[in-house]
Amino acid sequence: MDGYETFGHISPHFVHSPFYVYAYAFGGRLGERAYAVYEEGEPGFEDKYFDIVESRWVEDHKELLAPFGLDASDPAF
């Protein structure tokens, strides 16, 4: 792109891979909300959390969030 040569150092995936950093933002927000659920005393939180970590794969984020009563499409998320 014009002017790219003046940026100094920039990671190419910020420019050439649309939505690449979206996963970082989603992951950060997910961590914040999950911690809030933990602080609220969600029954069985630890077991649910470790079930997800041990599974190593989730089909989609809705499946990941469901045990915690979270919905990423909800503006309160």
PDB file of N, CA and C in Angstrom:
ATOM      1  N   MET A   1       0.847  -1.181   0.000  1.00  0.00           N
ATOM      2  CA  MET A   1       0.000   0.000   0.000  1.00  0.00           C
ATOM      3  C   MET A   1       0.886   1.235   0.000  1.00  0.00           C
ATOM      4  N   ASP A   2       0.385   2.326  -0.484  1.00  0.00           N
ATOM      5  CA  ASP A   2       1.152   3.566  -0.483  1.00  0.00           C
ATOM      6  C   ASP A   2       1.478   3.981   0.942  1.00  0.00           C
ATOM      7  N   GLY A   3       2.724   4.350   1.166  1.00  0.00           N
ATOM      8  CA  GLY A   3       3.141   4.804   2.476  1.00  0.00           C
ATOM      9  C   GLY A   3       3.625   3.699   3.381  1.00  0.00           C
ATOM     10  N   TYR A   4       3.448   2.442   2.988  1.00  0.00           N
ATOM     11  CA  TYR A   4       3.840   1.311   3.813  1.00  0.00           C
ATOM     12  C   TYR A   4       5.321   1.358   4.150  1.00  0.00           C
ATOM     13  N   GLU A   5       6.109   1.856   3.214  1.00  0.00           N
ATOM     14  CA  GLU A   5       7.550   1.914   3.419  1.00  0.00           C
ATOM     15  C   GLU A   5       7.942   2.872   4.545  1.00  0.00           C
ATOM     16  N   THR A   6       7.051   3.740   4.967  1.00  0.00           N
ATOM     17  CA  THR A   6       7.367   4.697   6.032  1.00  0.00           C
ATOM     18  C   THR A   6       6.895   4.231   7.411  1.00  0.00           C
ATOM     19  N   PHE A   7       6.304   3.068   7.481  1.00  0.00           N
ATOM     20  CA  PHE A   7       5.782   2.579   8.755  1.00  0.00           C
ATOM     21  C   PHE A   7       6.873   2.121   9.712  1.00  0.00           C
ATOM     22  N   GLY A   8       8.084   1.937   9.218  1.00  0.00           N
ATOM     23  CA  GLY A   8       9.129   1.379  10.062  1.00  0.00           C
ATOM     24  C   GLY A   8       8.899  -0.109  10.159  1.00  0.00           C
ATOM     25  N   HIS A   9       8.839  -0.628  11.356  1.00  0.00           N
ATOM     26  CA  HIS A   9       8.573  -2.052  11.528  1.00  0.00           C
ATOM     27  C   HIS A   9       7.091  -2.241  11.855  1.00  0.00           C
ATOM     28  N   ILE A  10       6.456  -3.107  11.119  1.00  0.00           N
ATOM     29  CA  ILE A  10       5.074  -3.475  11.407  1.00  0.00           C
ATOM     30  C   ILE A  10       4.907  -4.951  11.079  1.00  0.00           C
ATOM     31  N   SER A  11       4.147  -5.644  11.848  1.00  0.00           N
ATOM     32  CA  SER A  11       3.895  -7.054  11.573  1.00  0.00           C
ATOM     33  C   SER A  11       2.980  -7.154  10.368  1.00  0.00           C
ATOM     34  N   PRO A  12       3.388  -7.883   9.342  1.00  0.00           N
ATOM     35  CA  PRO A  12       2.600  -7.934   8.103  1.00  0.00           C
ATOM     36  C   PRO A  12       1.184  -8.455   8.288  1.00  0.00           C
ATOM     37  N   HIS A  13       0.943  -9.316   9.294  1.00  0.00           N
ATOM     38  CA  HIS A  13      -0.403  -9.860   9.439  1.00  0.00           C
ATOM     39  C   HIS A  13      -1.405  -8.789   9.875  1.00  0.00           C
ATOM     40  N   PHE A  14      -0.949  -7.666  10.417  1.00  0.00           N
ATOM     41  CA  PHE A  14      -1.873  -6.587  10.753  1.00  0.00           C
ATOM     42  C   PHE A  14      -2.427  -5.929   9.494  1.00  0.00           C
ATOM     43  N   VAL A  15      -1.651  -5.941   8.422  1.00  0.00           N
ATOM     44  CA  VAL A  15      -2.039  -5.269   7.191  1.00  0.00           C
ATOM     45  C   VAL A  15      -2.615  -6.245   6.171  1.00  0.00           C
ATOM     46  N   HIS A  16      -2.039  -7.429   6.076  1.00  0.00           N
ATOM     47  CA  HIS A  16      -2.372  -8.350   4.987  1.00  0.00           C
ATOM     48  C   HIS A  16      -3.346  -9.461   5.362  1.00  0.00           C
ATOM     49  N   SER A  17      -3.726  -9.570   6.593  1.00  0.00           N
ATOM     50  CA  SER A  17      -4.642 -10.631   7.018  1.00  0.00           C
ATOM     51  C   SER A  17      -5.830 -10.028   7.765  1.00  0.00           C
ATOM     52  N   PRO A  18      -6.871  -9.649   7.041  1.00  0.00           N
ATOM     53  CA  PRO A  18      -8.029  -9.035   7.690  1.00  0.00           C
ATOM     54  C   PRO A  18      -8.578  -9.903   8.827  1.00  0.00           C
ATOM     55  N   PHE A  19      -8.956  -9.270   9.906  1.00  0.00           N
ATOM     56  CA  PHE A  19      -9.572  -9.892  11.078  1.00  0.00           C
ATOM     57  C   PHE A  19      -8.627 -10.794  11.873  1.00  0.00           C
ATOM     58  N   TYR A  20      -7.330 -10.774  11.559  1.00  0.00           N
ATOM     59  CA  TYR A  20      -6.368 -11.616  12.266  1.00  0.00           C
ATOM     60  C   TYR A  20      -6.371 -11.320  13.762  1.00  0.00           C
ATOM     61  N   VAL A  21      -6.370 -10.056  14.128  1.00  0.00           N
ATOM     62  CA  VAL A  21      -6.278  -9.711  15.545  1.00  0.00           C
ATOM     63  C   VAL A  21      -7.635  -9.781  16.259  1.00  0.00           C
ATOM     64  N   TYR A  22      -8.707 -10.053  15.528  1.00  0.00           N
ATOM     65  CA  TYR A  22     -10.019 -10.205  16.143  1.00  0.00           C
ATOM     66  C   TYR A  22      -9.982 -11.291  17.210  1.00  0.00           C
ATOM     67  N   ALA A  23      -9.247 -12.375  16.943  1.00  0.00           N
ATOM     68  CA  ALA A  23      -9.168 -13.475  17.905  1.00  0.00           C
ATOM     69  C   ALA A  23      -8.567 -13.011  19.227  1.00  0.00           C
ATOM     70  N   TYR A  24      -7.609 -12.105  19.186  1.00  0.00           N
ATOM     71  CA  TYR A  24      -7.016 -11.587  20.419  1.00  0.00           C
ATOM     72  C   TYR A  24      -8.056 -10.798  21.220  1.00  0.00           C
ATOM     73  N   ALA A  25      -8.811  -9.963  20.539  1.00  0.00           N
ATOM     74  CA  ALA A  25      -9.836  -9.166  21.219  1.00  0.00           C
ATOM     75  C   ALA A  25     -10.911 -10.077  21.807  1.00  0.00           C
ATOM     76  N   PHE A  26     -11.351 -11.068  21.042  1.00  0.00           N
ATOM     77  CA  PHE A  26     -12.359 -12.001  21.535  1.00  0.00           C
ATOM     78  C   PHE A  26     -11.832 -12.778  22.732  1.00  0.00           C
ATOM     79  N   GLY A  27     -10.604 -13.258  22.635  1.00  0.00           N
ATOM     80  CA  GLY A  27     -10.014 -14.016  23.730  1.00  0.00           C
ATOM     81  C   GLY A  27      -9.888 -13.193  25.001  1.00  0.00           C
ATOM     82  N   GLY A  28      -9.518 -11.927  24.846  1.00  0.00           N
ATOM     83  CA  GLY A  28      -9.410 -11.046  26.003  1.00  0.00           C
ATOM     84  C   GLY A  28     -10.756 -10.825  26.660  1.00  0.00           C
ATOM     85  N   ARG A  29     -11.756 -10.563  25.854  1.00  0.00           N
ATOM     86  CA  ARG A  29     -13.097 -10.333  26.397  1.00  0.00           C
ATOM     87  C   ARG A  29     -13.646 -11.616  27.027  1.00  0.00           C
ATOM     88  N   LEU A  30     -13.396 -12.742  26.385  1.00  0.00           N
ATOM     89  CA  LEU A  30     -13.841 -14.017  26.939  1.00  0.00           C
ATOM     90  C   LEU A  30     -13.212 -14.258  28.310  1.00  0.00           C
ATOM     91  N   GLY A  31     -11.923 -13.987  28.428  1.00  0.00           N
ATOM     92  CA  GLY A  31     -11.260 -14.149  29.718  1.00  0.00           C
ATOM     93  C   GLY A  31     -11.856 -13.263  30.792  1.00  0.00           C
ATOM     94  N   GLU A  32     -12.164 -12.021  30.432  1.00  0.00           N
ATOM     95  CA  GLU A  32     -12.776 -11.091  31.387  1.00  0.00           C
ATOM     96  C   GLU A  32     -14.139 -11.589  31.845  1.00  0.00           C
ATOM     97  N   ARG A  33     -14.952 -12.020  30.903  1.00  0.00           N
ATOM     98  CA  ARG A  33     -16.306 -12.484  31.251  1.00  0.00           C
ATOM     99  C   ARG A  33     -16.255 -13.789  32.042  1.00  0.00           C
ATOM    100  N   ALA A  34     -15.355 -14.701  31.658  1.00  0.00           N
ATOM    101  CA  ALA A  34     -15.240 -15.958  32.383  1.00  0.00           C
ATOM    102  C   ALA A  34     -14.814 -15.693  33.824  1.00  0.00           C
ATOM    103  N   TYR A  35     -13.901 -14.762  34.011  1.00  0.00           N
ATOM    104  CA  TYR A  35     -13.471 -14.441  35.370  1.00  0.00           C
ATOM    105  C   TYR A  35     -14.618 -13.827  36.171  1.00  0.00           C
ATOM    106  N   ALA A  36     -15.429 -13.019  35.517  1.00  0.00           N
ATOM    107  CA  ALA A  36     -16.588 -12.426  36.198  1.00  0.00           C
ATOM    108  C   ALA A  36     -17.557 -13.520  36.640  1.00  0.00           C
ATOM    109  N   VAL A  37     -17.773 -14.507  35.778  1.00  0.00           N
ATOM    110  CA  VAL A  37     -18.651 -15.624  36.132  1.00  0.00           C
ATOM    111  C   VAL A  37     -18.052 -16.375  37.328  1.00  0.00           C
ATOM    112  N   TYR A  38     -16.753 -16.567  37.318  1.00  0.00           N
ATOM    113  CA  TYR A  38     -16.075 -17.235  38.434  1.00  0.00           C
ATOM    114  C   TYR A  38     -16.270 -16.452  39.737  1.00  0.00           C
ATOM    115  N   GLU A  39     -16.071 -15.133  39.662  1.00  0.00           N
ATOM    116  CA  GLU A  39     -16.233 -14.301  40.860  1.00  0.00           C
ATOM    117  C   GLU A  39     -17.658 -14.304  41.384  1.00  0.00           C
ATOM    118  N   GLU A  40     -18.627 -14.472  40.485  1.00  0.00           N
ATOM    119  CA  GLU A  40     -20.034 -14.505  40.890  1.00  0.00           C
ATOM    120  C   GLU A  40     -20.396 -15.833  41.562  1.00  0.00           C
ATOM    121  N   GLY A  41     -19.466 -16.793  41.562  1.00  0.00           N
ATOM    122  CA  GLY A  41     -19.697 -18.057  42.256  1.00  0.00           C
ATOM    123  C   GLY A  41     -20.467 -19.082  41.458  1.00  0.00           C
ATOM    124  N   GLU A  42     -20.294 -19.102  40.151  1.00  0.00           N
ATOM    125  CA  GLU A  42     -20.965 -20.095  39.300  1.00  0.00           C
ATOM    126  C   GLU A  42     -20.709 -21.503  39.843  1.00  0.00           C
ATOM    127  N   PRO A  43     -21.766 -22.249  40.163  1.00  0.00           N
ATOM    128  CA  PRO A  43     -21.574 -23.613  40.662  1.00  0.00           C
ATOM    129  C   PRO A  43     -20.827 -24.483  39.652  1.00  0.00           C
ATOM    130  N   GLY A  44     -19.807 -25.177  40.104  1.00  0.00           N
ATOM    131  CA  GLY A  44     -19.054 -26.085  39.247  1.00  0.00           C
ATOM    132  C   GLY A  44     -18.167 -25.402  38.228  1.00  0.00           C
ATOM    133  N   PHE A  45     -17.871 -24.123  38.441  1.00  0.00           N
ATOM    134  CA  PHE A  45     -17.080 -23.380  37.454  1.00  0.00           C
ATOM    135  C   PHE A  45     -15.773 -24.101  37.123  1.00  0.00           C
ATOM    136  N   GLU A  46     -15.044 -24.521  38.152  1.00  0.00           N
ATOM    137  CA  GLU A  46     -13.738 -25.134  37.933  1.00  0.00           C
ATOM    138  C   GLU A  46     -13.849 -26.388  37.079  1.00  0.00           C
ATOM    139  N   ASP A  47     -14.833 -27.223  37.368  1.00  0.00           N
ATOM    140  CA  ASP A  47     -15.018 -28.446  36.583  1.00  0.00           C
ATOM    141  C   ASP A  47     -15.355 -28.121  35.124  1.00  0.00           C
ATOM    142  N   LYS A  48     -16.236 -27.159  34.915  1.00  0.00           N
ATOM    143  CA  LYS A  48     -16.602 -26.759  33.551  1.00  0.00           C
ATOM    144  C   LYS A  48     -15.385 -26.222  32.809  1.00  0.00           C
ATOM    145  N   TYR A  49     -14.604 -25.393  33.492  1.00  0.00           N
ATOM    146  CA  TYR A  49     -13.416 -24.801  32.881  1.00  0.00           C
ATOM    147  C   TYR A  49     -12.414 -25.887  32.483  1.00  0.00           C
ATOM    148  N   PHE A  50     -12.134 -26.805  33.387  1.00  0.00           N
ATOM    149  CA  PHE A  50     -11.172 -27.859  33.088  1.00  0.00           C
ATOM    150  C   PHE A  50     -11.694 -28.820  32.026  1.00  0.00           C
ATOM    151  N   ASP A  51     -12.995 -29.021  31.950  1.00  0.00           N
ATOM    152  CA  ASP A  51     -13.560 -29.833  30.867  1.00  0.00           C
ATOM    153  C   ASP A  51     -13.227 -29.223  29.513  1.00  0.00           C
ATOM    154  N   ILE A  52     -13.335 -27.895  29.415  1.00  0.00           N
ATOM    155  CA  ILE A  52     -13.015 -27.211  28.159  1.00  0.00           C
ATOM    156  C   ILE A  52     -11.530 -27.310  27.855  1.00  0.00           C
ATOM    157  N   VAL A  53     -10.696 -27.049  28.840  1.00  0.00           N
ATOM    158  CA  VAL A  53      -9.250 -27.096  28.633  1.00  0.00           C
ATOM    159  C   VAL A  53      -8.817 -28.506  28.219  1.00  0.00           C
ATOM    160  N   GLU A  54      -9.352 -29.512  28.865  1.00  0.00           N
ATOM    161  CA  GLU A  54      -8.974 -30.884  28.565  1.00  0.00           C
ATOM    162  C   GLU A  54      -9.501 -31.363  27.214  1.00  0.00           C
ATOM    163  N   SER A  55     -10.593 -30.786  26.738  1.00  0.00           N
ATOM    164  CA  SER A  55     -11.162 -31.230  25.462  1.00  0.00           C
ATOM    165  C   SER A  55     -10.290 -30.817  24.283  1.00  0.00           C
ATOM    166  N   ARG A  56      -9.584 -29.712  24.385  1.00  0.00           N
ATOM    167  CA  ARG A  56      -8.643 -29.186  23.381  1.00  0.00           C
ATOM    168  C   ARG A  56      -9.306 -28.766  22.074  1.00  0.00           C
ATOM    169  N   TRP A  57     -10.566 -28.988  21.902  1.00  0.00           N
ATOM    170  CA  TRP A  57     -11.217 -28.579  20.666  1.00  0.00           C
ATOM    171  C   TRP A  57     -12.686 -28.325  20.942  1.00  0.00           C
ATOM    172  N   VAL A  58     -13.166 -27.225  20.424  1.00  0.00           N
ATOM    173  CA  VAL A  58     -14.570 -26.875  20.546  1.00  0.00           C
ATOM    174  C   VAL A  58     -15.041 -26.495  19.152  1.00  0.00           C
ATOM    175  N   GLU A  59     -16.203 -26.975  18.783  1.00  0.00           N
ATOM    176  CA  GLU A  59     -16.708 -26.697  17.438  1.00  0.00           C
ATOM    177  C   GLU A  59     -16.874 -25.205  17.179  1.00  0.00           C
ATOM    178  N   ASP A  60     -17.466 -24.493  18.113  1.00  0.00           N
ATOM    179  CA  ASP A  60     -17.624 -23.050  17.944  1.00  0.00           C
ATOM    180  C   ASP A  60     -17.711 -22.378  19.308  1.00  0.00           C
ATOM    181  N   HIS A  61     -17.670 -21.064  19.293  1.00  0.00           N
ATOM    182  CA  HIS A  61     -17.647 -20.321  20.558  1.00  0.00           C
ATOM    183  C   HIS A  61     -18.946 -20.474  21.349  1.00  0.00           C
ATOM    184  N   LYS A  62     -20.066 -20.690  20.676  1.00  0.00           N
ATOM    185  CA  LYS A  62     -21.322 -20.860  21.407  1.00  0.00           C
ATOM    186  C   LYS A  62     -21.260 -22.100  22.292  1.00  0.00           C
ATOM    187  N   GLU A  63     -20.670 -23.173  21.750  1.00  0.00           N
ATOM    188  CA  GLU A  63     -20.501 -24.403  22.523  1.00  0.00           C
ATOM    189  C   GLU A  63     -19.539 -24.169  23.699  1.00  0.00           C
ATOM    190  N   LEU A  64     -18.520 -23.395  23.473  1.00  0.00           N
ATOM    191  CA  LEU A  64     -17.539 -23.081  24.511  1.00  0.00           C
ATOM    192  C   LEU A  64     -18.164 -22.302  25.662  1.00  0.00           C
ATOM    193  N   LEU A  65     -19.027 -21.334  25.342  1.00  0.00           N
ATOM    194  CA  LEU A  65     -19.583 -20.436  26.344  1.00  0.00           C
ATOM    195  C   LEU A  65     -20.830 -20.969  27.039  1.00  0.00           C
ATOM    196  N   ALA A  66     -21.534 -21.887  26.415  1.00  0.00           N
ATOM    197  CA  ALA A  66     -22.822 -22.358  26.941  1.00  0.00           C
ATOM    198  C   ALA A  66     -22.777 -22.854  28.390  1.00  0.00           C
ATOM    199  N   PRO A  67     -21.786 -23.647  28.793  1.00  0.00           N
ATOM    200  CA  PRO A  67     -21.804 -24.125  30.179  1.00  0.00           C
ATOM    201  C   PRO A  67     -21.712 -23.011  31.220  1.00  0.00           C
ATOM    202  N   PHE A  68     -21.249 -21.853  30.802  1.00  0.00           N
ATOM    203  CA  PHE A  68     -21.089 -20.726  31.724  1.00  0.00           C
ATOM    204  C   PHE A  68     -22.231 -19.723  31.626  1.00  0.00           C
ATOM    205  N   GLY A  69     -23.222 -20.021  30.775  1.00  0.00           N
ATOM    206  CA  GLY A  69     -24.351 -19.120  30.608  1.00  0.00           C
ATOM    207  C   GLY A  69     -23.982 -17.840  29.882  1.00  0.00           C
ATOM    208  N   LEU A  70     -22.929 -17.896  29.051  1.00  0.00           N
ATOM    209  CA  LEU A  70     -22.484 -16.704  28.317  1.00  0.00           C
ATOM    210  C   LEU A  70     -22.873 -16.810  26.858  1.00  0.00           C
ATOM    211  N   ASP A  71     -23.139 -15.656  26.246  1.00  0.00           N
ATOM    212  CA  ASP A  71     -23.513 -15.576  24.831  1.00  0.00           C
ATOM    213  C   ASP A  71     -22.797 -14.375  24.235  1.00  0.00           C
ATOM    214  N   ALA A  72     -21.834 -14.627  23.334  1.00  0.00           N
ATOM    215  CA  ALA A  72     -21.038 -13.548  22.755  1.00  0.00           C
ATOM    216  C   ALA A  72     -21.854 -12.618  21.879  1.00  0.00           C
ATOM    217  N   SER A  73     -23.047 -13.032  21.455  1.00  0.00           N
ATOM    218  CA  SER A  73     -23.878 -12.142  20.641  1.00  0.00           C
ATOM    219  C   SER A  73     -24.688 -11.181  21.503  1.00  0.00           C
ATOM    220  N   ASP A  74     -24.691 -11.397  22.795  1.00  0.00           N
ATOM    221  CA  ASP A  74     -25.392 -10.513  23.732  1.00  0.00           C
ATOM    222  C   ASP A  74     -24.531  -9.268  23.966  1.00  0.00           C
ATOM    223  N   PRO A  75     -25.064  -8.077  23.762  1.00  0.00           N
ATOM    224  CA  PRO A  75     -24.276  -6.860  23.976  1.00  0.00           C
ATOM    225  C   PRO A  75     -23.677  -6.748  25.382  1.00  0.00           C
ATOM    226  N   ALA A  76     -24.271  -7.399  26.369  1.00  0.00           N
ATOM    227  CA  ALA A  76     -23.721  -7.364  27.727  1.00  0.00           C
ATOM    228  C   ALA A  76     -22.438  -8.190  27.844  1.00  0.00           C
ATOM    229  N   PHE A  77     -22.204  -9.075  26.889  1.00  0.00           N
ATOM    230  CA  PHE A  77     -21.007  -9.903  26.912  1.00  0.00           C
ATOM    231  C   PHE A  77     -19.779  -9.016  26.891  1.00  0.00           C
TER     232      PHE A  77
END
